[in-house]
């Protein structure tokens, strides 16, 4: 019997969102299975570009509903950004005047080649499911991308509506204006459905963790600003120690208790469900069904003493020593949301400063946890972020200043109108990213990246720019043209550090990200396994049972995924502030 109040009388749409790594996919999938087991026809929708639903359910995802074997009534669909963009381009071209020339069509295709188009196309697919395309189902459950990306997605309709109101000239980076106008009503309907409590519940998923709760609180307020007040809270992974003499278990429980006690009042006021920490990975139907059951009827694996695969030299200290050796370069810290990328990036930056280097530490993550993590200043360390809003304003001012002198008043007004397109943000953020990549030619730059899906969009933009430069200038500058992508591909310039947790989903997503990077001819430098319980040491029955799964993932990483692996133990106190971060990468004796 499931225990969630959420499932007692659910509306048609359940919309799960939250910080990466809090268990959105596990929880949304378990809820979808529970509804289907109760005789409902359910469609589970993933909007995460880095989804691992295929692994969890043992199926191949597609952009059309796929039935789940073993769960009658449940189908799954994955809104794949690339497929969505291709479908969107096809529909836009079909709307063009039959008399349009091949040159006109080629121009439109060029306009529709950016990451911005990919975003709006994904929302278009998402909107269609909210506005009638899922008519054959009793419930539609959405498993969304990490918070920052989801908020960006939900803000797009408002941004595009504002742009369309002042633009009737016929074209934008999304193609012909007529096509956009056709979508406007559907986008508005989608947001109306999301904000209607009778039709939709927005489930904010979090963990008993200060960072996850802080992001849930911020997300709650931002969703309210978008008109989505129909929210409830799901706290995943609540732990209670079962033995009195285990210091790790006691500290683990205390951290969770303190985080929950400090929860902001507006979040505390929401209807709430708590899901206990389980001894098992939520992969496969038995585990997913057991996630919501009470009591925990899946017997914990018997545990023997597990030792971490990485020896004592494979620490963040050793990794920082290796990264410091060239004396300069770009260090990009990447991975699934919630694995500790920001902490690892900040610790590496502090460690490089300890070793006598000046370091620029920045982030591309819209959620921007970097300043909270650093929480102080250190001589030689510059901390900032790529702020999409600020970069867009800067880019617009630069373009206006460069082009206005050659334009009349009408031309200036037209240029300013064009630059109000939300696609401008994509270009502005890419320019800022390019500056950081270039800066690393003569200094250390550590970049804390956004969660996987968001980072892949930035990499797509980098690849598109590279191809454009080669087309336009490659023949005239053979061997001399250097694009940002070329610098990312150069191991002497760029070191990619993949961060993961010793759990099946983060490892799978790190492996998928590594495959994506390799397709772009970028080879990761190292893997960091964060928050290892095996390295911390515990004999609490539940935590000890989880060590078997941890050991399995460490073996998986060691047996072919990573050539350089480093280990960070689970810590009783969050490493926040310069002193704590520096301790993680203290100088080798």
Protein backbone atom coordinates (compact mmCIF):
# COMPACT_ATOMS: atom_id res chain seq x y z
CA UNK A 1 0.00 0.00 0.00
CA UNK A 2 1.45 3.37 -0.99
CA UNK A 3 1.70 6.03 1.66
CA UNK A 4 1.75 9.34 -0.24
CA UNK A 5 -1.08 11.78 0.43
CA UNK A 6 -0.33 13.04 -3.08
CA UNK A 7 -1.85 9.86 -4.53
CA UNK A 8 -5.06 9.88 -2.47
CA UNK A 9 -7.00 12.03 -4.95
CA UNK A 10 -4.54 13.20 -7.59
CA UNK A 11 -5.48 15.60 -10.42
CA UNK A 12 -4.96 14.63 -14.05
CA UNK A 13 -1.50 16.22 -14.29
CA UNK A 14 1.35 15.69 -11.84
CA UNK A 15 4.36 17.90 -12.53
CA UNK A 16 7.55 16.91 -10.64
CA UNK A 17 10.40 19.41 -10.42
CA UNK A 18 13.41 20.07 -8.18
CA UNK A 19 17.17 20.29 -7.96
CA UNK A 20 19.15 17.63 -9.78
CA UNK A 21 19.86 14.52 -7.73
CA UNK A 22 16.87 14.74 -5.36
CA UNK A 23 15.07 11.77 -6.87
CA UNK A 24 12.53 13.40 -9.24
CA UNK A 25 12.75 10.59 -11.76
CA UNK A 26 12.49 7.80 -9.16
CA UNK A 27 9.57 9.45 -7.40
CA UNK A 28 7.63 10.47 -10.51
CA UNK A 29 8.09 6.98 -11.99
CA UNK A 30 7.05 5.26 -8.75
CA UNK A 31 3.92 7.46 -8.63
CA UNK A 32 3.10 6.69 -12.27
CA UNK A 33 3.45 2.94 -11.56
CA UNK A 34 1.26 3.22 -8.43
CA UNK A 35 -1.49 4.98 -10.42
CA UNK A 36 -1.30 2.37 -13.20
CA UNK A 37 -1.36 -0.47 -10.65
CA UNK A 38 -4.58 1.12 -9.40
CA UNK A 39 -6.19 0.64 -12.80
CA UNK A 40 -5.50 4.06 -14.34
CA UNK A 41 -4.17 4.77 -17.84
CA UNK A 42 -1.01 6.77 -17.23
CA UNK A 43 1.46 8.58 -19.49
CA UNK A 44 4.86 9.29 -17.95
CA UNK A 45 6.64 12.15 -19.74
CA UNK A 46 10.32 12.99 -19.39
CA UNK A 47 11.43 16.52 -20.34
CA UNK A 48 15.01 15.89 -19.20
CA UNK A 49 17.58 15.79 -22.00
CA UNK A 50 19.69 13.56 -19.75
CA UNK A 51 16.89 11.21 -18.65
CA UNK A 52 17.72 7.71 -17.41
CA UNK A 53 14.16 6.40 -17.50
CA UNK A 54 15.25 3.79 -20.03
CA UNK A 55 17.66 2.27 -17.53
CA UNK A 56 15.20 2.43 -14.64
CA UNK A 57 12.39 0.74 -16.57
CA UNK A 58 14.45 -1.44 -18.90
CA UNK A 59 12.87 0.00 -22.06
CA UNK A 60 13.99 2.01 -25.08
CA UNK A 61 12.60 5.54 -24.90
CA UNK A 62 11.03 7.25 -27.88
CA UNK A 63 9.22 10.49 -28.68
CA UNK A 64 5.97 8.53 -28.97
CA UNK A 65 4.31 6.59 -26.09
CA UNK A 66 6.04 3.26 -25.33
CA UNK A 67 4.13 0.70 -23.15
CA UNK A 68 6.03 -0.48 -20.05
CA UNK A 69 6.16 -4.29 -19.79
CA UNK A 70 4.95 -5.44 -16.40
CA UNK A 71 2.85 -2.33 -15.75
CA UNK A 72 -0.47 -2.55 -17.65
CA UNK A 73 -1.82 0.90 -18.39
CA UNK A 74 1.54 2.73 -18.20
CA UNK A 75 3.26 4.27 -21.22
CA UNK A 76 6.38 6.45 -21.34
CA UNK A 77 7.38 9.21 -23.72
CA UNK A 78 10.68 11.11 -23.80
CA UNK A 79 10.67 14.63 -25.23
CA UNK A 80 14.01 14.34 -26.97
CA UNK A 81 15.26 17.88 -27.74
CA UNK A 82 16.86 16.97 -31.07
CA UNK A 83 13.79 15.09 -32.32
CA UNK A 84 11.54 17.90 -31.09
CA UNK A 85 13.64 20.49 -32.92
CA UNK A 86 13.57 18.48 -36.15
CA UNK A 87 9.80 18.07 -35.91
CA UNK A 88 9.43 21.79 -35.19
CA UNK A 89 11.56 22.71 -38.23
CA UNK A 90 9.46 20.44 -40.44
CA UNK A 91 6.21 22.07 -39.24
CA UNK A 92 7.57 25.60 -39.71
CA UNK A 93 8.69 24.83 -43.26
CA UNK A 94 5.26 23.33 -44.01
CA UNK A 95 3.65 26.65 -42.97
CA UNK A 96 5.70 28.64 -45.48
CA UNK A 97 4.20 30.14 -48.60
CA UNK A 98 4.24 27.53 -51.40
CA UNK A 99 5.76 30.22 -53.64
CA UNK A 100 8.80 30.62 -51.37
CA UNK A 101 12.14 29.91 -53.02
CA UNK A 102 14.72 27.34 -52.03
CA UNK A 103 16.88 30.24 -50.81
CA UNK A 104 14.02 31.38 -48.54
CA UNK A 105 13.68 27.88 -47.11
CA UNK A 106 17.44 27.58 -46.58
CA UNK A 107 17.45 30.89 -44.73
CA UNK A 108 14.67 29.71 -42.44
CA UNK A 109 16.50 26.43 -41.75
CA UNK A 110 19.60 28.45 -40.82
CA UNK A 111 17.46 30.55 -38.45
CA UNK A 112 16.17 27.36 -36.88
CA UNK A 113 19.58 25.81 -36.18
CA UNK A 114 20.30 27.24 -32.70
CA UNK A 115 19.85 25.91 -29.17
CA UNK A 116 17.07 28.46 -28.65
CA UNK A 117 15.00 26.67 -31.29
CA UNK A 118 15.67 23.39 -29.50
CA UNK A 119 14.31 24.86 -26.26
CA UNK A 120 11.12 26.24 -27.73
CA UNK A 121 10.57 23.05 -29.74
CA UNK A 122 10.80 21.00 -26.54
CA UNK A 123 8.26 23.30 -24.92
CA UNK A 124 6.06 22.94 -27.99
CA UNK A 125 5.99 19.16 -27.47
CA UNK A 126 5.38 19.66 -23.78
CA UNK A 127 2.51 22.11 -24.47
CA UNK A 128 0.84 19.72 -26.88
CA UNK A 129 0.60 17.07 -24.14
CA UNK A 130 -1.07 19.59 -21.84
CA UNK A 131 -3.49 20.82 -24.49
CA UNK A 132 -5.03 17.61 -25.77
CA UNK A 133 -2.47 15.26 -27.33
CA UNK A 134 -2.66 12.94 -24.27
CA UNK A 135 -6.44 12.53 -24.46
CA UNK A 136 -6.33 8.73 -24.09
CA UNK A 137 -4.83 8.83 -20.58
CA UNK A 138 -6.36 9.36 -17.13
CA UNK A 139 -3.14 10.88 -15.76
CA UNK A 140 -0.08 12.55 -17.26
CA UNK A 141 3.00 12.55 -15.00
CA UNK A 142 5.85 14.90 -15.96
CA UNK A 143 9.43 14.14 -14.92
CA UNK A 144 11.19 17.42 -15.61
CA UNK A 145 14.76 18.53 -16.15
CA UNK A 146 16.61 20.09 -13.16
CA UNK A 147 15.06 23.27 -11.79
CA UNK A 148 17.03 25.97 -13.62
CA UNK A 149 16.32 24.43 -17.01
CA UNK A 150 12.64 23.83 -16.17
CA UNK A 151 12.10 27.42 -15.00
CA UNK A 152 13.70 28.64 -18.22
CA UNK A 153 11.31 26.39 -20.18
CA UNK A 154 8.24 27.63 -18.31
CA UNK A 155 9.22 31.28 -18.73
CA UNK A 156 9.54 30.95 -22.51
CA UNK A 157 5.84 31.44 -23.36
CA UNK A 158 5.77 34.77 -21.51
CA UNK A 159 9.02 35.85 -23.17
CA UNK A 160 7.82 34.92 -26.63
CA UNK A 161 4.42 36.56 -26.12
CA UNK A 162 6.18 39.82 -25.27
CA UNK A 163 8.39 39.48 -28.33
CA UNK A 164 5.47 38.70 -30.65
CA UNK A 165 3.46 41.69 -29.46
CA UNK A 166 6.05 44.03 -30.87
CA UNK A 167 7.11 42.08 -33.92
CA UNK A 168 4.92 41.64 -36.95
CA UNK A 169 7.59 41.68 -39.62
CA UNK A 170 7.57 38.04 -40.46
CA UNK A 171 10.74 36.35 -39.18
CA UNK A 172 12.79 35.58 -36.09
CA UNK A 173 15.30 32.95 -35.00
CA UNK A 174 12.31 30.63 -34.77
CA UNK A 175 11.26 31.12 -38.33
CA UNK A 176 8.25 32.83 -39.88
CA UNK A 177 6.21 35.00 -37.56
CA UNK A 178 2.95 33.39 -38.68
CA UNK A 179 4.15 30.06 -37.32
CA UNK A 180 4.91 31.61 -33.95
CA UNK A 181 1.50 33.25 -33.76
CA UNK A 182 -0.11 29.86 -34.33
CA UNK A 183 1.74 28.51 -31.29
CA UNK A 184 0.96 31.43 -29.00
CA UNK A 185 -2.56 30.29 -28.04
CA UNK A 186 -1.37 26.74 -27.33
CA UNK A 187 1.46 28.01 -25.12
CA UNK A 188 -0.98 30.18 -23.17
CA UNK A 189 -3.31 27.18 -22.74
CA UNK A 190 -0.42 25.03 -21.47
CA UNK A 191 0.46 27.54 -18.75
CA UNK A 192 -3.24 27.88 -17.86
CA UNK A 193 -3.49 24.10 -17.40
CA UNK A 194 -0.34 24.04 -15.26
CA UNK A 195 -1.66 26.81 -12.99
CA UNK A 196 -5.12 25.23 -12.50
CA UNK A 197 -5.23 23.31 -9.21
CA UNK A 198 -8.16 21.22 -10.42
CA UNK A 199 -6.04 19.94 -13.31
CA UNK A 200 -2.44 20.01 -12.06
CA UNK A 201 -0.36 19.58 -8.91
CA UNK A 202 3.23 20.83 -9.03
CA UNK A 203 5.34 18.55 -6.82
CA UNK A 204 8.52 20.16 -5.51
CA UNK A 205 10.91 17.29 -4.80
CA UNK A 206 13.71 17.86 -2.32
CA UNK A 207 15.92 16.01 0.15
CA UNK A 208 16.66 16.76 3.79
CA UNK A 209 19.64 18.82 2.63
CA UNK A 210 20.21 22.56 2.97
CA UNK A 211 21.14 23.07 -0.70
CA UNK A 212 18.19 21.09 -2.05
CA UNK A 213 15.72 22.80 0.33
CA UNK A 214 17.09 26.25 -0.54
CA UNK A 215 16.55 25.56 -4.23
CA UNK A 216 13.05 24.15 -3.60
CA UNK A 217 12.19 27.34 -1.69
CA UNK A 218 13.49 29.57 -4.49
CA UNK A 219 11.72 27.47 -7.11
CA UNK A 220 8.45 27.67 -5.20
CA UNK A 221 8.55 31.48 -5.27
CA UNK A 222 9.54 31.62 -8.96
CA UNK A 223 6.75 29.22 -9.91
CA UNK A 224 4.32 31.41 -7.96
CA UNK A 225 5.53 34.38 -10.00
CA UNK A 226 4.61 32.40 -13.13
CA UNK A 227 1.12 31.81 -11.67
CA UNK A 228 1.69 28.25 -10.41
CA UNK A 229 0.41 28.28 -6.81
CA UNK A 230 -0.86 24.68 -6.83
CA UNK A 231 2.26 23.21 -5.16
CA UNK A 232 3.08 20.49 -2.67
CA UNK A 233 6.36 19.22 -1.22
CA UNK A 234 7.89 15.73 -1.40
CA UNK A 235 10.92 15.20 0.88
CA UNK A 236 12.84 12.20 -0.41
CA UNK A 237 15.47 10.14 1.41
CA UNK A 238 14.58 10.91 5.05
CA UNK A 239 16.95 8.89 7.29
CA UNK A 240 16.67 7.76 10.93
CA UNK A 241 19.63 5.96 12.50
CA UNK A 242 18.88 2.53 13.98
CA UNK A 243 22.03 2.03 16.10
CA UNK A 244 23.33 4.27 18.84
CA UNK A 245 27.10 3.89 18.40
CA UNK A 246 27.55 4.82 14.73
CA UNK A 247 28.96 8.35 14.47
CA UNK A 248 28.45 8.54 10.70
CA UNK A 249 24.78 7.50 10.95
CA UNK A 250 24.16 9.94 13.81
CA UNK A 251 25.75 12.80 11.87
CA UNK A 252 23.83 11.81 8.72
CA UNK A 253 20.51 11.95 10.59
CA UNK A 254 21.44 15.19 12.37
CA UNK A 255 22.24 16.96 9.09
CA UNK A 256 18.82 16.03 7.72
CA UNK A 257 17.01 17.06 10.91
CA UNK A 258 18.77 20.43 10.95
CA UNK A 259 18.01 21.08 7.28
CA UNK A 260 14.30 20.31 7.77
CA UNK A 261 14.13 22.47 10.90
CA UNK A 262 15.57 25.44 8.99
CA UNK A 263 13.08 25.10 6.10
CA UNK A 264 11.65 28.50 5.05
CA UNK A 265 8.13 29.18 6.31
CA UNK A 266 6.51 29.42 2.86
CA UNK A 267 7.86 25.96 1.99
CA UNK A 268 6.91 24.51 5.37
CA UNK A 269 3.33 25.68 4.77
CA UNK A 270 2.90 23.49 1.67
CA UNK A 271 1.17 20.08 1.88
CA UNK A 272 3.97 17.59 2.44
CA UNK A 273 4.96 13.93 1.94
CA UNK A 274 8.10 12.27 3.32
CA UNK A 275 9.72 9.25 1.68
CA UNK A 276 12.27 7.28 3.75
CA UNK A 277 15.79 6.61 2.58
CA UNK A 278 15.90 3.12 1.07
CA UNK A 279 18.64 0.53 1.14
CA UNK A 280 18.34 -0.11 -2.59
CA UNK A 281 18.85 1.67 -5.89
CA UNK A 282 15.57 2.53 -7.60
CA UNK A 283 16.22 0.60 -10.79
CA UNK A 284 13.73 -1.99 -12.00
CA UNK A 285 10.02 -2.44 -11.26
CA UNK A 286 10.37 -4.23 -7.87
CA UNK A 287 12.52 -1.40 -6.47
CA UNK A 288 10.30 1.34 -7.93
CA UNK A 289 7.18 -0.29 -6.48
CA UNK A 290 8.90 -0.71 -3.10
CA UNK A 291 9.92 2.95 -2.96
CA UNK A 292 6.45 4.06 -1.88
CA UNK A 293 5.60 1.01 0.23
CA UNK A 294 5.52 0.86 4.00
CA UNK A 295 7.17 -0.74 5.77
CA UNK A 296 10.39 -1.14 3.83
CA UNK A 297 9.69 -4.67 2.70
CA UNK A 298 12.76 -5.12 0.56
CA UNK A 299 15.28 -6.77 2.83
CA UNK A 300 18.60 -4.95 2.94
CA UNK A 301 21.52 -6.67 1.38
CA UNK A 302 23.77 -8.26 3.91
CA UNK A 303 26.83 -6.15 4.21
CA UNK A 304 30.41 -7.09 4.70
CA UNK A 305 33.25 -4.65 5.11
CA UNK A 306 33.62 -2.71 1.91
CA UNK A 307 36.76 -0.83 1.08
CA UNK A 308 36.92 1.95 -1.49
CA UNK A 309 38.60 1.03 -4.74
CA UNK A 310 40.58 4.22 -4.92
CA UNK A 311 43.54 4.22 -2.55
CA UNK A 312 44.46 7.06 -0.26
CA UNK A 313 46.43 8.88 -2.91
CA UNK A 314 43.36 9.23 -5.14
CA UNK A 315 41.95 12.24 -3.34
CA UNK A 316 40.99 15.75 -4.39
CA UNK A 317 44.45 16.76 -3.17
CA UNK A 318 46.06 14.44 -5.72
CA UNK A 319 43.68 15.63 -8.45
CA UNK A 320 44.46 19.28 -7.70
CA UNK A 321 48.20 18.50 -7.82
CA UNK A 322 47.73 17.01 -11.31
CA UNK A 323 45.59 19.93 -12.51
CA UNK A 324 48.09 22.49 -11.15
CA UNK A 325 51.08 21.02 -13.02
CA UNK A 326 50.62 22.89 -16.38
CA UNK A 327 50.40 26.29 -14.61
CA UNK A 328 47.29 27.38 -16.54
CA UNK A 329 44.21 26.07 -18.31
CA UNK A 330 40.44 25.63 -18.27
CA UNK A 331 39.02 23.12 -15.79
CA UNK A 332 35.37 22.31 -16.49
CA UNK A 333 33.53 20.47 -13.74
CA UNK A 334 30.52 18.63 -15.16
CA UNK A 335 27.86 16.10 -14.18
CA UNK A 336 24.28 15.43 -13.19
CA UNK A 337 22.61 17.94 -10.88
CA UNK A 338 23.00 17.24 -7.18
CA UNK A 339 26.28 15.29 -7.34
CA UNK A 340 28.39 18.07 -5.81
CA UNK A 341 29.85 19.77 -8.91
CA UNK A 342 29.86 23.19 -7.27
CA UNK A 343 31.65 21.93 -4.15
CA UNK A 344 34.27 20.07 -6.19
CA UNK A 345 34.83 23.07 -8.50
CA UNK A 346 35.20 25.48 -5.57
CA UNK A 347 37.55 23.08 -3.72
CA UNK A 348 39.78 22.69 -6.81
CA UNK A 349 39.88 26.48 -7.24
CA UNK A 350 40.84 26.99 -3.58
CA UNK A 351 43.48 24.27 -3.91
CA UNK A 352 45.04 25.93 -6.97
CA UNK A 353 45.25 29.23 -5.07
CA UNK A 354 46.94 27.33 -2.20
CA UNK A 355 49.53 26.24 -4.77
CA UNK A 356 50.36 29.82 -5.69
CA UNK A 357 48.10 30.39 -8.72
CA UNK A 358 45.54 33.09 -9.47
CA UNK A 359 42.20 31.51 -10.31
CA UNK A 360 38.99 32.69 -11.94
CA UNK A 361 36.10 30.56 -10.62
CA UNK A 362 32.82 30.93 -12.52
CA UNK A 363 29.58 29.06 -13.20
CA UNK A 364 27.11 28.60 -16.07
CA UNK A 365 24.42 27.21 -13.75
CA UNK A 366 21.25 29.35 -13.67
CA UNK A 367 20.70 28.18 -10.08
CA UNK A 368 24.06 29.77 -9.05
CA UNK A 369 25.05 28.08 -5.78
CA UNK A 370 28.68 29.11 -6.18
CA UNK A 371 28.84 32.18 -3.91
CA UNK A 372 26.94 30.37 -1.14
CA UNK A 373 29.45 27.49 -1.33
CA UNK A 374 32.56 29.72 -1.36
CA UNK A 375 31.07 32.00 1.35
CA UNK A 376 34.07 34.29 1.69
CA UNK A 377 37.06 35.68 -0.13
CA UNK A 378 40.57 34.42 -0.78
CA UNK A 379 43.43 36.51 -2.21
CA UNK A 380 44.07 35.30 -5.74
CA UNK A 381 40.55 33.90 -6.20
CA UNK A 382 38.02 35.74 -8.38
CA UNK A 383 34.45 34.41 -8.16
CA UNK A 384 31.64 35.36 -10.54
CA UNK A 385 29.01 33.78 -12.78
CA UNK A 386 27.72 33.95 -16.31
CA UNK A 387 24.48 35.77 -15.55
CA UNK A 388 22.17 35.33 -18.58
CA UNK A 389 20.29 38.59 -17.93
CA UNK A 390 23.42 40.71 -17.44
CA UNK A 391 25.20 39.11 -20.40
CA UNK A 392 22.17 39.72 -22.63
CA UNK A 393 22.01 43.40 -21.65
CA UNK A 394 25.76 43.75 -22.26
CA UNK A 395 25.51 42.03 -25.65
CA UNK A 396 22.56 44.18 -26.79
CA UNK A 397 24.41 47.37 -25.77
CA UNK A 398 27.53 46.22 -27.66
CA UNK A 399 25.61 45.39 -30.87
CA UNK A 400 23.62 48.63 -30.71
CA UNK A 401 26.80 50.68 -30.21
CA UNK A 402 28.55 48.93 -33.11
CA UNK A 403 25.73 49.10 -35.66
CA UNK A 404 23.68 52.20 -34.75
CA UNK A 405 26.05 54.77 -36.37
CA UNK A 406 25.34 53.27 -39.81
CA UNK A 407 21.55 53.12 -39.42
CA UNK A 408 18.72 55.62 -39.64
CA UNK A 409 16.06 55.88 -36.92
CA UNK A 410 13.88 53.19 -38.50
CA UNK A 411 16.87 50.85 -38.84
CA UNK A 412 17.87 51.40 -35.22
CA UNK A 413 14.31 50.64 -34.06
CA UNK A 414 14.27 47.46 -36.18
CA UNK A 415 17.64 46.31 -34.82
CA UNK A 416 16.55 46.94 -31.23
CA UNK A 417 13.35 44.97 -31.85
CA UNK A 418 15.30 42.03 -33.27
CA UNK A 419 17.55 42.00 -30.21
CA UNK A 420 14.57 41.62 -27.86
CA UNK A 421 14.14 38.04 -29.09
CA UNK A 422 14.73 35.48 -26.31
CA UNK A 423 17.21 33.85 -28.72
CA UNK A 424 19.55 36.75 -28.01
CA UNK A 425 20.19 35.24 -24.58
CA UNK A 426 21.60 32.09 -26.17
CA UNK A 427 24.05 34.14 -28.23
CA UNK A 428 25.03 36.36 -25.28
CA UNK A 429 25.70 33.41 -22.94
CA UNK A 430 27.77 31.70 -25.64
CA UNK A 431 29.89 34.86 -26.09
CA UNK A 432 30.51 34.99 -22.32
CA UNK A 433 31.44 31.30 -22.31
CA UNK A 434 33.83 31.89 -25.23
CA UNK A 435 35.59 34.69 -23.33
CA UNK A 436 36.14 32.37 -20.36
CA UNK A 437 37.47 29.60 -22.62
CA UNK A 438 39.92 32.06 -24.20
CA UNK A 439 41.00 33.51 -20.83
CA UNK A 440 42.39 30.09 -19.85
CA UNK A 441 45.22 30.43 -22.40
CA UNK A 442 47.26 32.31 -19.80
CA UNK A 443 45.61 31.63 -16.43
CA UNK A 444 43.59 29.09 -14.48
CA UNK A 445 39.85 29.19 -15.02
CA UNK A 446 37.60 26.75 -13.13
CA UNK A 447 34.09 26.51 -14.53
CA UNK A 448 31.24 25.00 -12.51
CA UNK A 449 28.79 23.94 -15.22
CA UNK A 450 25.02 23.67 -15.17
CA UNK A 451 23.43 20.21 -14.86
CA UNK A 452 23.97 17.91 -17.82
CA UNK A 453 21.02 18.83 -20.07
CA UNK A 454 21.64 22.57 -19.82
CA UNK A 455 25.37 22.12 -20.43
CA UNK A 456 24.70 20.04 -23.53
CA UNK A 457 22.67 22.95 -24.99
CA UNK A 458 25.69 25.21 -24.45
CA UNK A 459 27.94 22.62 -26.08
CA UNK A 460 25.51 22.47 -29.02
CA UNK A 461 25.83 26.24 -29.44
CA UNK A 462 29.64 25.88 -29.29
CA UNK A 463 29.56 23.22 -31.99
CA UNK A 464 27.22 25.27 -34.21
CA UNK A 465 29.55 28.30 -33.95
CA UNK A 466 32.55 26.09 -34.79
CA UNK A 467 30.88 24.78 -37.94
CA UNK A 468 29.82 28.29 -38.99
CA UNK A 469 33.38 29.64 -38.56
CA UNK A 470 34.84 26.80 -40.58
CA UNK A 471 32.32 27.44 -43.39
CA UNK A 472 33.01 31.17 -43.48
CA UNK A 473 36.71 31.46 -42.71
CA UNK A 474 38.28 28.00 -42.73
CA UNK A 475 39.55 28.10 -46.31
CA UNK A 476 41.05 31.57 -45.88
CA UNK A 477 42.84 30.72 -42.63
CA UNK A 478 43.99 27.09 -42.87
CA UNK A 479 45.58 26.04 -39.62
CA UNK A 480 45.11 29.47 -38.02
CA UNK A 481 41.42 29.50 -37.14
CA UNK A 482 40.90 28.52 -33.49
CA UNK A 483 37.33 28.22 -32.24
CA UNK A 484 36.16 27.67 -28.63
CA UNK A 485 35.35 24.05 -29.53
CA UNK A 486 38.95 23.51 -30.66
CA UNK A 487 40.16 24.78 -27.29
CA UNK A 488 37.77 22.39 -25.49
CA UNK A 489 39.13 19.54 -27.63
CA UNK A 490 42.75 20.44 -26.75
CA UNK A 491 43.80 18.44 -23.63
CA UNK A 492 46.63 20.93 -23.00
CA UNK A 493 44.07 23.75 -22.75
CA UNK A 494 41.02 22.05 -21.19
CA UNK A 495 40.61 19.42 -18.48
CA UNK A 496 37.10 17.99 -18.01
CA UNK A 497 36.34 16.66 -14.53
CA UNK A 498 33.19 14.49 -14.32
CA UNK A 499 31.60 14.36 -10.87
CA UNK A 500 29.30 11.54 -9.83
CA UNK A 501 27.88 9.84 -6.76
CA UNK A 502 28.44 6.09 -6.20
CA UNK A 503 24.84 5.39 -7.28
CA UNK A 504 23.48 3.84 -10.45
CA UNK A 505 21.70 6.89 -11.91
CA UNK A 506 24.48 9.49 -11.47
CA UNK A 507 27.07 7.01 -12.81
CA UNK A 508 24.90 6.20 -15.84
CA UNK A 509 24.38 9.88 -16.56
CA UNK A 510 28.09 10.63 -16.18
CA UNK A 511 28.80 7.79 -18.62
CA UNK A 512 26.25 9.19 -21.10
CA UNK A 513 27.75 12.67 -20.75
CA UNK A 514 31.20 11.21 -21.37
CA UNK A 515 29.88 9.58 -24.56
CA UNK A 516 28.43 12.94 -25.69
CA UNK A 517 31.76 14.66 -25.02
CA UNK A 518 33.68 11.99 -26.90
CA UNK A 519 31.40 12.42 -29.92
CA UNK A 520 32.49 16.07 -29.85
CA UNK A 521 36.12 14.83 -29.66
CA UNK A 522 36.49 15.99 -26.04
CA UNK A 523 38.10 13.44 -23.70
CA UNK A 524 37.38 13.79 -19.94
CA UNK A 525 40.49 14.07 -17.77
CA UNK A 526 39.17 12.49 -14.58
CA UNK A 527 36.16 11.23 -12.64
CA UNK A 528 35.43 12.25 -9.05
CA UNK A 529 33.26 9.92 -6.92
CA UNK A 530 31.69 12.19 -4.32
CA UNK A 531 30.08 11.43 -0.93
CA UNK A 532 31.38 7.87 -0.56
CA UNK A 533 29.92 6.15 2.52
CA UNK A 534 32.50 3.40 2.14
CA UNK A 535 35.26 5.95 2.52
CA UNK A 536 33.52 7.49 5.56
CA UNK A 537 32.95 4.18 7.39
CA UNK A 538 29.60 3.11 8.91
CA UNK A 539 27.91 0.00 10.34
CA UNK A 540 24.34 1.29 10.50
CA UNK A 541 22.27 -1.52 8.91
CA UNK A 542 20.55 0.65 6.30
CA UNK A 543 23.66 2.63 5.36
CA UNK A 544 25.76 -0.54 5.36
CA UNK A 545 23.23 -2.18 3.03
CA UNK A 546 23.69 0.73 0.62
CA UNK A 547 27.44 0.01 0.52
CA UNK A 548 26.89 -3.04 -1.68
CA UNK A 549 25.35 -0.80 -4.36
CA UNK A 550 28.13 1.74 -3.88
CA UNK A 551 30.83 -0.89 -4.34
CA UNK A 552 29.13 -2.12 -7.51
CA UNK A 553 29.18 1.40 -9.00
CA UNK A 554 32.83 1.90 -8.05
CA UNK A 555 33.71 -1.32 -9.82
CA UNK A 556 31.70 -0.20 -12.84
CA UNK A 557 33.70 3.06 -12.99
CA UNK A 558 37.02 1.30 -12.48
CA UNK A 559 36.31 -1.30 -15.18
CA UNK A 560 36.44 0.93 -18.20
CA UNK A 561 34.55 4.18 -17.57
CA UNK A 562 37.40 6.19 -16.10
CA UNK A 563 41.19 6.04 -16.36
CA UNK A 564 41.71 8.55 -13.52
CA UNK A 565 39.35 8.20 -10.57
CA UNK A 566 39.38 10.24 -7.35
CA UNK A 567 37.36 9.74 -4.19
CA UNK A 568 35.72 12.17 -1.77
CA UNK A 569 34.26 10.66 1.45
CA UNK A 570 30.83 11.56 2.78
CA UNK A 571 31.40 14.41 5.25
CA UNK A 572 29.54 15.04 8.48
CA UNK A 573 29.56 18.78 7.76
CA UNK A 574 28.84 20.45 4.43
CA UNK A 575 32.10 21.83 3.00
CA UNK A 576 31.03 25.48 2.85
CA UNK A 577 33.48 28.36 3.13
CA UNK A 578 37.13 28.84 2.19
CA UNK A 579 38.58 26.86 5.13
CA UNK A 580 36.42 23.76 4.56
CA UNK A 581 36.98 23.82 0.79
CA UNK A 582 40.73 24.27 1.19
CA UNK A 583 40.83 21.29 3.56
CA UNK A 584 39.52 19.05 0.74
CA UNK A 585 42.51 19.91 -1.46
CA UNK A 586 45.17 20.65 1.16
CA UNK A 587 48.74 20.56 -0.09
CA UNK A 588 50.37 17.13 -0.27
CA UNK A 589 52.75 16.41 2.51
